[in-house]
Amino acid sequence: QVHLVESGGGLVQPGGSLRLSCAASGSNRRIDNMGWYRQAPGKQRELVATINIYGSKTYADSVKDRFTISRDNAKNTVHLQMNSLKPEDTAVYYCNVDQLYSGTVFWGQGTQVTVSS
């Protein structure tokens, strides 16, 4: 069982930056894919960015060139650097990881990001 702890959310003005972090613990098996999803009020949860064990990254079109995902395999952590934030980035952001050997996906509890003046 993998336990995820997220941090770094908060209130920021438009154009500002935030850095989200997620630490995974509880398993000595490899964590394959790590990523971030978000869910705004009244909307479905959507993918923001993912990174695999080899460092290959994917981004939603809406965040390309503004957000950067990174991971530290030794520490089982994943980060999301968010720059040039917009009000439409306001959402609860969820950390997501998987372990392919078991086909199991794990979710964090979510961290609120609010972009408002």
C-alpha atoms as a PDB file:
ATOM      1  CA  GLN A   1       0.000   0.000   0.000  1.00  0.00           C
ATOM      2  CA  VAL A   2       1.332   3.415  -0.982  1.00  0.00           C
ATOM      3  CA  HIS A   3       0.532   6.443   1.132  1.00  0.00           C
ATOM      4  CA  LEU A   4       0.697   9.863  -0.531  1.00  0.00           C
ATOM      5  CA  VAL A   5       1.142  13.176   1.264  1.00  0.00           C
ATOM      6  CA  GLU A   6       0.720  16.381  -0.714  1.00  0.00           C
ATOM      7  CA  SER A   7       1.833  19.866   0.198  1.00  0.00           C
ATOM      8  CA  GLY A   8       2.263  23.306  -1.292  1.00  0.00           C
ATOM      9  CA  GLY A   9      -1.235  24.434  -2.158  1.00  0.00           C
ATOM     10  CA  GLY A  10      -2.625  27.823  -1.235  1.00  0.00           C
ATOM     11  CA  LEU A  11      -3.880  31.186  -2.429  1.00  0.00           C
ATOM     12  CA  VAL A  12      -1.931  33.072  -5.054  1.00  0.00           C
ATOM     13  CA  GLN A  13      -2.596  36.073  -7.255  1.00  0.00           C
ATOM     14  CA  PRO A  14      -2.901  35.707 -11.035  1.00  0.00           C
ATOM     15  CA  GLY A  15       0.537  35.525 -12.581  1.00  0.00           C
ATOM     16  CA  GLY A  16       2.025  34.075  -9.438  1.00  0.00           C
ATOM     17  CA  SER A  17       3.700  30.739  -8.773  1.00  0.00           C
ATOM     18  CA  LEU A  18       3.234  27.746  -6.518  1.00  0.00           C
ATOM     19  CA  ARG A  19       5.105  24.501  -6.111  1.00  0.00           C
ATOM     20  CA  LEU A  20       3.241  21.339  -5.192  1.00  0.00           C
ATOM     21  CA  SER A  21       4.998  18.346  -3.716  1.00  0.00           C
ATOM     22  CA  CYS A  22       3.897  14.779  -3.118  1.00  0.00           C
ATOM     23  CA  ALA A  23       5.783  12.186  -1.111  1.00  0.00           C
ATOM     24  CA  ALA A  24       5.034   8.492  -1.491  1.00  0.00           C
ATOM     25  CA  SER A  25       5.744   5.992   1.266  1.00  0.00           C
ATOM     26  CA  GLY A  26       4.740   2.566   2.484  1.00  0.00           C
ATOM     27  CA  SER A  27       6.007   0.353  -0.320  1.00  0.00           C
ATOM     28  CA  ASN A  28       9.428  -0.936  -1.280  1.00  0.00           C
ATOM     29  CA  ARG A  29       8.273  -1.755  -4.817  1.00  0.00           C
ATOM     30  CA  ARG A  30       8.950   0.524  -7.732  1.00  0.00           C
ATOM     31  CA  ILE A  31       6.578   3.399  -8.404  1.00  0.00           C
ATOM     32  CA  ASP A  32       6.171   3.654 -12.150  1.00  0.00           C
ATOM     33  CA  ASN A  33       4.098   6.661 -13.134  1.00  0.00           C
ATOM     34  CA  MET A  34       3.598   9.740 -11.005  1.00  0.00           C
ATOM     35  CA  GLY A  35       1.367  12.633 -11.822  1.00  0.00           C
ATOM     36  CA  TRP A  36      -1.003  15.398 -10.914  1.00  0.00           C
ATOM     37  CA  TYR A  37      -4.697  15.730 -11.633  1.00  0.00           C
ATOM     38  CA  ARG A  38      -7.052  18.518 -10.703  1.00  0.00           C
ATOM     39  CA  GLN A  39     -10.747  18.987 -10.146  1.00  0.00           C
ATOM     40  CA  ALA A  40     -12.489  22.338 -10.225  1.00  0.00           C
ATOM     41  CA  PRO A  41     -15.956  22.832  -8.713  1.00  0.00           C
ATOM     42  CA  GLY A  42     -18.616  21.350 -10.943  1.00  0.00           C
ATOM     43  CA  LYS A  43     -16.084  19.814 -13.300  1.00  0.00           C
ATOM     44  CA  GLN A  44     -14.600  16.395 -13.848  1.00  0.00           C
ATOM     45  CA  ARG A  45     -11.159  15.506 -12.609  1.00  0.00           C
ATOM     46  CA  GLU A  46      -8.610  16.112 -15.340  1.00  0.00           C
ATOM     47  CA  LEU A  47      -5.002  15.226 -15.975  1.00  0.00           C
ATOM     48  CA  VAL A  48      -2.495  18.013 -15.457  1.00  0.00           C
ATOM     49  CA  ALA A  49       0.876  16.332 -15.911  1.00  0.00           C
ATOM     50  CA  THR A  50       2.528  12.941 -15.604  1.00  0.00           C
ATOM     51  CA  ILE A  51       6.079  11.649 -15.471  1.00  0.00           C
ATOM     52  CA  ASN A  52       7.209   8.051 -15.763  1.00  0.00           C
ATOM     53  CA  ILE A  53      10.108   6.261 -14.099  1.00  0.00           C
ATOM     54  CA  TYR A  54      12.376   7.226 -16.987  1.00  0.00           C
ATOM     55  CA  GLY A  55      11.524  10.925 -16.818  1.00  0.00           C
ATOM     56  CA  SER A  56       9.230  11.094 -19.822  1.00  0.00           C
ATOM     57  CA  LYS A  57       6.617  13.791 -19.277  1.00  0.00           C
ATOM     58  CA  THR A  58       3.155  14.635 -20.546  1.00  0.00           C
ATOM     59  CA  TYR A  59       1.165  17.812 -19.979  1.00  0.00           C
ATOM     60  CA  ALA A  60      -2.352  18.991 -20.544  1.00  0.00           C
ATOM     61  CA  ASP A  61      -2.442  21.596 -23.301  1.00  0.00           C
ATOM     62  CA  SER A  62      -3.823  24.146 -20.858  1.00  0.00           C
ATOM     63  CA  VAL A  63      -0.690  24.048 -18.699  1.00  0.00           C
ATOM     64  CA  LYS A  64       2.076  23.507 -21.236  1.00  0.00           C
ATOM     65  CA  ASP A  65       4.845  26.108 -20.986  1.00  0.00           C
ATOM     66  CA  ARG A  66       3.592  27.171 -17.554  1.00  0.00           C
ATOM     67  CA  PHE A  67       3.838  24.033 -15.398  1.00  0.00           C
ATOM     68  CA  THR A  68       6.793  21.715 -14.934  1.00  0.00           C
ATOM     69  CA  ILE A  69       6.619  18.262 -13.411  1.00  0.00           C
ATOM     70  CA  SER A  70       9.646  16.574 -11.884  1.00  0.00           C
ATOM     71  CA  ARG A  71      10.390  13.564  -9.687  1.00  0.00           C
ATOM     72  CA  ASP A  72      13.077  12.188  -7.431  1.00  0.00           C
ATOM     73  CA  ASN A  73      13.084   8.413  -7.767  1.00  0.00           C
ATOM     74  CA  ALA A  74      15.366   7.928  -4.774  1.00  0.00           C
ATOM     75  CA  LYS A  75      12.958   9.821  -2.522  1.00  0.00           C
ATOM     76  CA  ASN A  76       9.714   8.776  -4.245  1.00  0.00           C
ATOM     77  CA  THR A  77       8.621  12.362  -4.573  1.00  0.00           C
ATOM     78  CA  VAL A  78       6.964  14.261  -7.383  1.00  0.00           C
ATOM     79  CA  HIS A  79       6.725  18.003  -7.752  1.00  0.00           C
ATOM     80  CA  LEU A  80       4.684  20.388  -9.852  1.00  0.00           C
ATOM     81  CA  GLN A  81       6.091  23.853 -10.406  1.00  0.00           C
ATOM     82  CA  MET A  82       3.252  26.106 -11.477  1.00  0.00           C
ATOM     83  CA  ASN A  83       4.090  29.503 -12.989  1.00  0.00           C
ATOM     84  CA  SER A  84       1.973  32.205 -14.582  1.00  0.00           C
ATOM     85  CA  LEU A  85      -1.045  30.941 -12.713  1.00  0.00           C
ATOM     86  CA  LYS A  86      -4.504  31.874 -13.966  1.00  0.00           C
ATOM     87  CA  PRO A  87      -7.869  31.944 -12.191  1.00  0.00           C
ATOM     88  CA  GLU A  88      -8.914  28.944 -14.272  1.00  0.00           C
ATOM     89  CA  ASP A  89      -6.142  26.932 -12.603  1.00  0.00           C
ATOM     90  CA  THR A  90      -8.149  27.084  -9.379  1.00  0.00           C
ATOM     91  CA  ALA A  91      -8.920  23.526  -8.320  1.00  0.00           C
ATOM     92  CA  VAL A  92      -8.108  20.770  -5.891  1.00  0.00           C
ATOM     93  CA  TYR A  93      -4.910  19.140  -7.102  1.00  0.00           C
ATOM     94  CA  TYR A  94      -4.429  15.412  -6.543  1.00  0.00           C
ATOM     95  CA  CYS A  95      -1.238  13.426  -6.620  1.00  0.00           C
ATOM     96  CA  ASN A  96      -1.507  10.110  -8.449  1.00  0.00           C
ATOM     97  CA  VAL A  97       0.962   7.221  -8.676  1.00  0.00           C
ATOM     98  CA  ASP A  98       0.828   3.659  -9.917  1.00  0.00           C
ATOM     99  CA  GLN A  99       2.674   0.398  -9.569  1.00  0.00           C
ATOM    100  CA  LEU A 100       2.476  -1.599 -12.776  1.00  0.00           C
ATOM    101  CA  TYR A 101       3.463  -4.916 -11.143  1.00  0.00           C
ATOM    102  CA  SER A 102       0.118  -4.934  -9.321  1.00  0.00           C
ATOM    103  CA  GLY A 103      -1.881  -2.637 -11.571  1.00  0.00           C
ATOM    104  CA  THR A 104      -2.700  -0.486  -8.575  1.00  0.00           C
ATOM    105  CA  VAL A 105      -3.306   3.254  -8.648  1.00  0.00           C
ATOM    106  CA  PHE A 106      -3.048   5.437  -5.561  1.00  0.00           C
ATOM    107  CA  TRP A 107      -4.418   8.918  -4.912  1.00  0.00           C
ATOM    108  CA  GLY A 108      -3.475  11.624  -2.479  1.00  0.00           C
ATOM    109  CA  GLN A 109      -5.995  13.500  -0.389  1.00  0.00           C
ATOM    110  CA  GLY A 110      -5.803  16.623  -2.536  1.00  0.00           C
ATOM    111  CA  THR A 111      -4.506  20.132  -1.969  1.00  0.00           C
ATOM    112  CA  GLN A 112      -6.425  23.299  -2.777  1.00  0.00           C
ATOM    113  CA  VAL A 113      -4.968  25.814  -5.216  1.00  0.00           C
ATOM    114  CA  THR A 114      -6.808  29.117  -5.513  1.00  0.00           C
ATOM    115  CA  VAL A 115      -5.775  31.785  -7.993  1.00  0.00           C
ATOM    116  CA  SER A 116      -7.502  35.043  -7.249  1.00  0.00           C
ATOM    117  CA  SER A 117      -6.793  38.726  -6.812  1.00  0.00           C
END
